[in-house]
Structure formats: C-alpha cells, structure tokens
C-alpha atoms as a PDB file:
ATOM      1  CA  UNK A   1       6.965   0.401  41.487  1.00  0.00           C
ATOM      2  CA  UNK A   2       6.182  -0.692  37.926  1.00  0.00           C
ATOM      3  CA  UNK A   3       8.676   0.019  35.316  1.00  0.00           C
ATOM      4  CA  UNK A   4       8.834  -0.277  31.587  1.00  0.00           C
ATOM      5  CA  UNK A   5      11.787   0.087  29.214  1.00  0.00           C
ATOM      6  CA  UNK A   6      10.922   2.968  26.931  1.00  0.00           C
ATOM      7  CA  UNK A   7      12.042   3.078  23.273  1.00  0.00           C
ATOM      8  CA  UNK A   8      11.083   5.382  20.438  1.00  0.00           C
ATOM      9  CA  UNK A   9      11.923   4.660  16.824  1.00  0.00           C
ATOM     10  CA  UNK A  10      12.399   7.690  14.576  1.00  0.00           C
ATOM     11  CA  UNK A  11      12.241   7.057  10.817  1.00  0.00           C
ATOM     12  CA  UNK A  12      14.974   8.330   8.472  1.00  0.00           C
ATOM     13  CA  UNK A  13      14.316  10.865   5.755  1.00  0.00           C
ATOM     14  CA  UNK A  14      14.354   9.722   2.080  1.00  0.00           C
ATOM     15  CA  UNK A  15      17.724  11.513   1.769  1.00  0.00           C
ATOM     16  CA  UNK A  16      19.289   9.445   4.534  1.00  0.00           C
ATOM     17  CA  UNK A  17      17.862   6.251   3.127  1.00  0.00           C
ATOM     18  CA  UNK A  18      19.355   6.965  -0.235  1.00  0.00           C
ATOM     19  CA  UNK A  19      22.730   7.585   1.401  1.00  0.00           C
ATOM     20  CA  UNK A  20      22.391   4.329   3.403  1.00  0.00           C
ATOM     21  CA  UNK A  21      21.556   2.504   0.196  1.00  0.00           C
ATOM     22  CA  UNK A  22      24.746   3.927  -1.457  1.00  0.00           C
ATOM     23  CA  UNK A  23      26.884   2.993   1.428  1.00  0.00           C
ATOM     24  CA  UNK A  24      25.487  -0.552   1.400  1.00  0.00           C
ATOM     25  CA  UNK A  25      26.195  -0.826  -2.305  1.00  0.00           C
ATOM     26  CA  UNK A  26      29.789   0.031  -1.764  1.00  0.00           C
ATOM     27  CA  UNK A  27      29.965  -2.279   1.284  1.00  0.00           C
ATOM     28  CA  UNK A  28      28.595  -5.194  -0.751  1.00  0.00           C
ATOM     29  CA  UNK A  29      31.611  -4.843  -3.126  1.00  0.00           C
ATOM     30  CA  UNK A  30      34.043  -5.048  -0.226  1.00  0.00           C
ATOM     31  CA  UNK A  31      32.438  -7.130   2.433  1.00  0.00           C
ATOM     32  CA  UNK A  32      31.101 -10.612   1.726  1.00  0.00           C
ATOM     33  CA  UNK A  33      28.929 -12.878   3.896  1.00  0.00           C
ATOM     34  CA  UNK A  34      27.009 -10.052   5.493  1.00  0.00           C
ATOM     35  CA  UNK A  35      23.148  -9.903   5.339  1.00  0.00           C
ATOM     36  CA  UNK A  36      22.401  -6.270   4.549  1.00  0.00           C
ATOM     37  CA  UNK A  37      19.193  -4.861   5.840  1.00  0.00           C
ATOM     38  CA  UNK A  38      16.553  -2.965   3.820  1.00  0.00           C
ATOM     39  CA  UNK A  39      17.098   0.686   4.121  1.00  0.00           C
ATOM     40  CA  UNK A  40      13.351   1.184   4.316  1.00  0.00           C
ATOM     41  CA  UNK A  41      13.497  -0.725   7.659  1.00  0.00           C
ATOM     42  CA  UNK A  42      16.225   1.439   9.055  1.00  0.00           C
ATOM     43  CA  UNK A  43      15.440   3.923  11.946  1.00  0.00           C
ATOM     44  CA  UNK A  44      17.063   5.635  14.827  1.00  0.00           C
ATOM     45  CA  UNK A  45      16.111   4.099  18.151  1.00  0.00           C
ATOM     46  CA  UNK A  46      16.102   6.250  21.182  1.00  0.00           C
ATOM     47  CA  UNK A  47      16.269   4.411  24.486  1.00  0.00           C
ATOM     48  CA  UNK A  48      15.047   6.260  27.563  1.00  0.00           C
ATOM     49  CA  UNK A  49      15.708   3.531  30.087  1.00  0.00           C
ATOM     50  CA  UNK A  50      13.316   2.179  32.653  1.00  0.00           C
ATOM     51  CA  UNK A  51      10.461   4.468  33.270  1.00  0.00           C
ATOM     52  CA  UNK A  52       8.271   4.385  36.374  1.00  0.00           C
ATOM     53  CA  UNK A  53       4.597   3.911  35.108  1.00  0.00           C
ATOM     54  CA  UNK A  54       3.030   3.210  38.452  1.00  0.00           C
ATOM     55  CA  UNK A  55       1.933   6.746  39.083  1.00  0.00           C
END
C-alpha cells in the first residue's frame, strides 16, 4: 500500500484578511518579541490524513 499525507490549503477572503490584520495590529501593541505573519500568507489548512494512492 502506498500512502500520502493529503493537505488542502483554502485561502481567506479579503474580509477575513482585514480582520486578521486588525487583530495583529492590536496584538503588536500588547505582545512583544513575536514575529507576525503576513495576512496575505494566511490560509486554512485541511488535513485529510494518510490516503491510499496505490489503487
């Protein structure tokens, strides 16, 4: 049996990206020493586990 770990990345809408940016801006004021990611790089990752691809 041959298996692969299957992931799918779903992009966020512009509205969600704007909200993430606003949350990061507030977080930057309160939390120091954190490397904040670019909201344009954010996505939702769905992990489907190991999938049999030998068929």
